[in-house]
């Protein structure tokens, strides 16, 4: 009733090449075809993977950028939760009540 499982890969996974996709008439059906199998004049002499390249950034600059992003996220979260910002002061008559 049950037969042993065949070895190897099925569906042509072992023979898959993005170069073949660029020649295929149905290349639009492949997810990622515009990046991994570019065709046409638009991609000639262009850096298609520009978003994966990191610019020259030092460790201190990176830490400072992360700190600024976290600070902005905290302020946005506080605004979304209707929490008063730390920079705002309460009126003088309510300061002694709030601890």
N, C-alpha and C. Protein backbone atom coordinates (compact mmCIF):
# COMPACT_ATOMS: atom_id res chain seq x y z
N UNK A 1 0.83 -1.18 0.00
CA UNK A 1 0.00 0.00 0.00
C UNK A 1 0.87 1.25 0.00
N UNK A 2 1.88 1.32 0.87
CA UNK A 2 2.78 2.46 0.90
C UNK A 2 4.07 2.11 0.19
N UNK A 3 4.54 3.03 -0.60
CA UNK A 3 5.79 2.80 -1.32
C UNK A 3 6.87 3.67 -0.71
N UNK A 4 8.12 3.27 -0.84
CA UNK A 4 9.21 4.08 -0.26
C UNK A 4 9.31 5.43 -0.96
N UNK A 5 9.76 6.40 -0.23
CA UNK A 5 9.92 7.76 -0.75
C UNK A 5 11.11 7.79 -1.69
N UNK A 6 10.92 8.45 -2.82
CA UNK A 6 12.01 8.57 -3.78
C UNK A 6 13.07 9.55 -3.27
N UNK A 7 14.27 9.32 -3.59
CA UNK A 7 15.35 10.22 -3.19
C UNK A 7 15.50 11.38 -4.14
N UNK A 8 16.32 12.34 -3.78
CA UNK A 8 16.58 13.48 -4.64
C UNK A 8 15.55 14.58 -4.47
N UNK A 9 15.66 15.58 -5.32
CA UNK A 9 14.73 16.70 -5.25
C UNK A 9 13.69 16.55 -6.35
N UNK A 10 12.49 16.98 -6.05
CA UNK A 10 11.42 16.92 -7.04
C UNK A 10 11.01 18.34 -7.40
N UNK A 11 10.47 18.49 -8.54
CA UNK A 11 10.03 19.79 -8.99
C UNK A 11 11.14 20.59 -9.67
N UNK A 12 12.27 19.98 -9.90
CA UNK A 12 13.36 20.66 -10.60
C UNK A 12 14.15 21.62 -9.75
N UNK A 13 14.10 21.49 -8.43
CA UNK A 13 14.82 22.41 -7.56
C UNK A 13 16.33 22.33 -7.78
N UNK A 14 16.83 21.16 -8.09
CA UNK A 14 18.28 21.01 -8.27
C UNK A 14 18.76 21.68 -9.55
N UNK A 15 17.89 21.75 -10.55
CA UNK A 15 18.30 22.33 -11.84
C UNK A 15 17.89 23.79 -12.00
N UNK A 16 17.34 24.41 -10.96
CA UNK A 16 16.85 25.78 -11.07
C UNK A 16 18.01 26.77 -11.18
N UNK A 17 17.92 27.68 -12.15
CA UNK A 17 18.91 28.74 -12.33
C UNK A 17 18.16 30.02 -12.70
N UNK A 18 18.55 31.13 -12.07
CA UNK A 18 17.92 32.40 -12.39
C UNK A 18 18.22 32.82 -13.81
N UNK A 19 19.34 32.38 -14.36
CA UNK A 19 19.65 32.72 -15.75
C UNK A 19 18.61 32.13 -16.70
N UNK A 20 18.10 30.95 -16.36
CA UNK A 20 17.05 30.34 -17.18
C UNK A 20 15.75 31.11 -17.06
N UNK A 21 15.49 31.67 -15.90
CA UNK A 21 14.27 32.44 -15.69
C UNK A 21 14.28 33.69 -16.56
N UNK A 22 15.42 34.33 -16.71
CA UNK A 22 15.48 35.55 -17.51
C UNK A 22 15.14 35.29 -18.98
N UNK A 23 15.31 34.07 -19.47
CA UNK A 23 14.95 33.73 -20.85
C UNK A 23 13.53 33.18 -20.97
N UNK A 24 12.91 32.84 -19.84
CA UNK A 24 11.59 32.21 -19.84
C UNK A 24 10.52 33.22 -20.23
N UNK A 25 9.55 32.78 -21.02
CA UNK A 25 8.47 33.68 -21.43
C UNK A 25 7.54 34.02 -20.27
N UNK A 26 7.50 33.18 -19.24
CA UNK A 26 6.65 33.41 -18.07
C UNK A 26 7.45 33.87 -16.86
N UNK A 27 8.48 34.66 -17.08
CA UNK A 27 9.35 35.05 -15.97
C UNK A 27 8.63 35.92 -14.94
N UNK A 28 7.56 36.60 -15.33
CA UNK A 28 6.81 37.43 -14.39
C UNK A 28 6.15 36.61 -13.30
N UNK A 29 6.01 35.33 -13.49
CA UNK A 29 5.37 34.46 -12.50
C UNK A 29 6.31 34.07 -11.37
N UNK A 30 7.59 34.36 -11.50
CA UNK A 30 8.57 34.02 -10.47
C UNK A 30 8.71 35.19 -9.50
N UNK A 31 8.58 34.90 -8.21
CA UNK A 31 8.73 35.93 -7.20
C UNK A 31 10.20 36.35 -7.14
N UNK A 32 10.48 37.62 -7.31
CA UNK A 32 11.84 38.12 -7.30
C UNK A 32 12.48 38.16 -8.66
N UNK A 33 11.71 38.01 -9.71
CA UNK A 33 12.31 37.95 -11.05
C UNK A 33 12.94 39.27 -11.47
N UNK A 34 12.42 40.40 -10.99
CA UNK A 34 12.97 41.69 -11.43
C UNK A 34 14.35 41.96 -10.84
N UNK A 35 14.66 41.33 -9.71
CA UNK A 35 15.97 41.52 -9.08
C UNK A 35 16.93 40.40 -9.45
N UNK A 36 16.46 39.17 -9.37
CA UNK A 36 17.35 38.03 -9.57
C UNK A 36 17.53 37.63 -11.02
N UNK A 37 16.61 38.01 -11.89
CA UNK A 37 16.72 37.67 -13.32
C UNK A 37 16.35 38.89 -14.15
N UNK A 38 17.11 39.98 -14.04
CA UNK A 38 16.75 41.19 -14.76
C UNK A 38 16.95 41.04 -16.27
N UNK A 39 16.05 41.63 -17.01
CA UNK A 39 16.17 41.63 -18.47
C UNK A 39 15.83 43.03 -18.96
N UNK A 40 16.32 43.35 -20.11
CA UNK A 40 15.99 44.62 -20.73
C UNK A 40 17.05 45.69 -20.51
N UNK A 41 16.80 46.85 -21.14
CA UNK A 41 17.79 47.93 -21.09
C UNK A 41 17.81 48.65 -19.75
N UNK A 42 16.70 48.62 -18.99
CA UNK A 42 16.61 49.38 -17.75
C UNK A 42 17.65 48.92 -16.74
N UNK A 43 18.06 47.66 -16.75
CA UNK A 43 18.98 47.15 -15.75
C UNK A 43 20.44 47.22 -16.17
N UNK A 44 20.70 47.64 -17.39
CA UNK A 44 22.07 47.68 -17.88
C UNK A 44 22.87 48.76 -17.16
N UNK A 45 24.00 48.39 -16.60
CA UNK A 45 24.91 49.28 -15.87
C UNK A 45 24.25 49.92 -14.64
N UNK A 46 23.29 49.24 -14.04
CA UNK A 46 22.66 49.75 -12.83
C UNK A 46 22.94 48.79 -11.69
N UNK A 47 23.08 49.36 -10.51
CA UNK A 47 23.26 48.54 -9.31
C UNK A 47 21.89 48.19 -8.77
N UNK A 48 21.42 47.01 -9.13
CA UNK A 48 20.08 46.60 -8.76
C UNK A 48 20.00 46.30 -7.27
N UNK A 49 21.08 45.88 -6.67
CA UNK A 49 21.10 45.52 -5.25
C UNK A 49 21.61 46.67 -4.38
N UNK A 50 21.30 47.92 -4.74
CA UNK A 50 21.80 49.08 -4.02
C UNK A 50 21.34 49.10 -2.57
N UNK A 51 20.17 48.56 -2.29
CA UNK A 51 19.61 48.64 -0.94
C UNK A 51 20.31 47.69 0.03
N UNK A 52 21.05 46.71 -0.47
CA UNK A 52 21.75 45.78 0.42
C UNK A 52 23.15 46.26 0.75
N UNK A 53 23.62 47.26 0.05
CA UNK A 53 24.97 47.75 0.29
C UNK A 53 24.95 48.76 1.43
N UNK A 54 25.93 48.68 2.30
CA UNK A 54 26.03 49.63 3.39
C UNK A 54 27.03 50.72 3.02
N UNK A 55 26.69 51.92 3.38
CA UNK A 55 27.58 53.04 3.13
C UNK A 55 28.67 53.09 4.19
N UNK A 56 29.63 53.96 4.00
CA UNK A 56 30.70 54.08 4.99
C UNK A 56 30.15 54.74 6.27
N UNK A 57 29.95 53.95 7.28
CA UNK A 57 29.38 54.46 8.53
C UNK A 57 30.16 53.84 9.69
N UNK A 58 30.64 54.69 10.58
CA UNK A 58 31.40 54.22 11.72
C UNK A 58 30.50 53.65 12.80
N UNK A 59 31.12 53.00 13.76
CA UNK A 59 30.37 52.38 14.85
C UNK A 59 29.67 53.43 15.71
N UNK A 60 30.34 54.55 15.97
CA UNK A 60 29.74 55.61 16.79
C UNK A 60 28.54 56.23 16.08
N UNK A 61 28.67 56.45 14.77
CA UNK A 61 27.56 57.02 14.01
C UNK A 61 26.37 56.07 14.00
N UNK A 62 26.66 54.80 13.89
CA UNK A 62 25.59 53.79 13.88
C UNK A 62 24.85 53.77 15.22
N UNK A 63 25.61 53.80 16.32
CA UNK A 63 24.99 53.81 17.65
C UNK A 63 24.15 55.07 17.86
N UNK A 64 24.65 56.21 17.38
CA UNK A 64 23.92 57.47 17.50
C UNK A 64 22.62 57.42 16.69
N UNK A 65 22.68 56.86 15.50
CA UNK A 65 21.48 56.75 14.67
C UNK A 65 20.45 55.84 15.34
N UNK A 66 20.89 54.72 15.90
CA UNK A 66 19.98 53.81 16.60
C UNK A 66 19.37 54.49 17.81
N UNK A 67 20.17 55.29 18.54
CA UNK A 67 19.66 56.00 19.71
C UNK A 67 18.58 57.00 19.30
N UNK A 68 18.82 57.74 18.20
CA UNK A 68 17.84 58.70 17.73
C UNK A 68 16.55 58.01 17.28
N UNK A 69 16.68 56.88 16.62
CA UNK A 69 15.51 56.14 16.15
C UNK A 69 14.70 55.64 17.34
N UNK A 70 15.39 55.08 18.34
CA UNK A 70 14.68 54.58 19.53
C UNK A 70 13.99 55.72 20.27
N UNK A 71 14.63 56.87 20.34
CA UNK A 71 14.03 58.02 21.00
C UNK A 71 12.78 58.47 20.26
N UNK A 72 12.85 58.53 18.93
CA UNK A 72 11.69 58.92 18.14
C UNK A 72 10.56 57.90 18.27
N UNK A 73 10.91 56.61 18.31
CA UNK A 73 9.89 55.58 18.50
C UNK A 73 9.23 55.70 19.86
N UNK A 74 10.01 55.99 20.89
CA UNK A 74 9.45 56.14 22.23
C UNK A 74 8.50 57.33 22.29
N UNK A 75 8.87 58.43 21.64
CA UNK A 75 8.00 59.61 21.61
C UNK A 75 6.72 59.31 20.85
N UNK A 76 6.82 58.58 19.74
CA UNK A 76 5.64 58.23 18.95
C UNK A 76 4.72 57.31 19.75
N UNK A 77 5.31 56.36 20.47
CA UNK A 77 4.51 55.46 21.30
C UNK A 77 3.83 56.23 22.43
N UNK A 78 4.54 57.16 23.03
CA UNK A 78 3.95 57.96 24.10
C UNK A 78 2.80 58.81 23.56
N UNK A 79 2.98 59.36 22.38
CA UNK A 79 1.90 60.16 21.78
C UNK A 79 0.70 59.28 21.43
N UNK A 80 0.98 58.08 20.96
CA UNK A 80 -0.12 57.17 20.61
C UNK A 80 -0.88 56.71 21.84
N UNK A 81 -0.20 56.60 22.96
CA UNK A 81 -0.84 56.17 24.20
C UNK A 81 -1.32 57.34 25.05
N UNK A 82 -1.24 58.55 24.51
CA UNK A 82 -1.67 59.76 25.19
C UNK A 82 -0.92 59.98 26.51
N UNK A 83 0.33 59.65 26.53
CA UNK A 83 1.17 59.88 27.70
C UNK A 83 1.84 61.23 27.51
N UNK A 84 1.83 62.04 28.57
CA UNK A 84 2.46 63.36 28.48
C UNK A 84 3.96 63.20 28.26
N UNK A 85 4.51 64.02 27.41
CA UNK A 85 5.94 63.98 27.16
C UNK A 85 6.69 64.45 28.40
N UNK A 86 7.91 63.96 28.57
CA UNK A 86 8.70 64.33 29.74
C UNK A 86 9.10 65.80 29.69
N UNK A 87 9.11 66.38 28.51
CA UNK A 87 9.53 67.78 28.41
C UNK A 87 8.43 68.74 28.88
N UNK A 88 7.19 68.28 28.95
CA UNK A 88 6.10 69.13 29.42
C UNK A 88 6.06 69.16 30.93
N UNK A 89 5.80 70.30 31.48
CA UNK A 89 5.69 70.45 32.93
C UNK A 89 4.22 70.56 33.30
N UNK A 90 3.87 70.01 34.44
CA UNK A 90 2.51 70.14 34.94
C UNK A 90 2.33 71.53 35.54
N UNK A 91 1.12 72.02 35.59
CA UNK A 91 0.89 73.32 36.23
C UNK A 91 1.35 73.26 37.68
N UNK A 92 1.79 74.38 38.24
CA UNK A 92 2.36 74.40 39.59
C UNK A 92 1.42 73.87 40.67
N UNK A 93 0.13 74.07 40.56
CA UNK A 93 -0.79 73.64 41.61
C UNK A 93 -1.00 72.12 41.62
N UNK A 94 -0.56 71.38 40.57
CA UNK A 94 -0.74 69.93 40.55
C UNK A 94 0.56 69.17 40.76
N UNK A 95 1.70 69.88 40.84
CA UNK A 95 2.98 69.20 40.97
C UNK A 95 3.11 68.44 42.29
N UNK A 96 2.58 68.98 43.35
CA UNK A 96 2.73 68.31 44.66
C UNK A 96 1.86 67.07 44.78
N UNK A 97 0.80 66.96 43.93
CA UNK A 97 -0.08 65.80 43.99
C UNK A 97 0.54 64.62 43.25
N UNK A 98 1.18 64.88 42.15
CA UNK A 98 1.76 63.83 41.31
C UNK A 98 3.14 63.48 41.85
N UNK A 99 3.38 62.20 42.07
CA UNK A 99 4.69 61.79 42.55
C UNK A 99 5.41 60.96 41.55
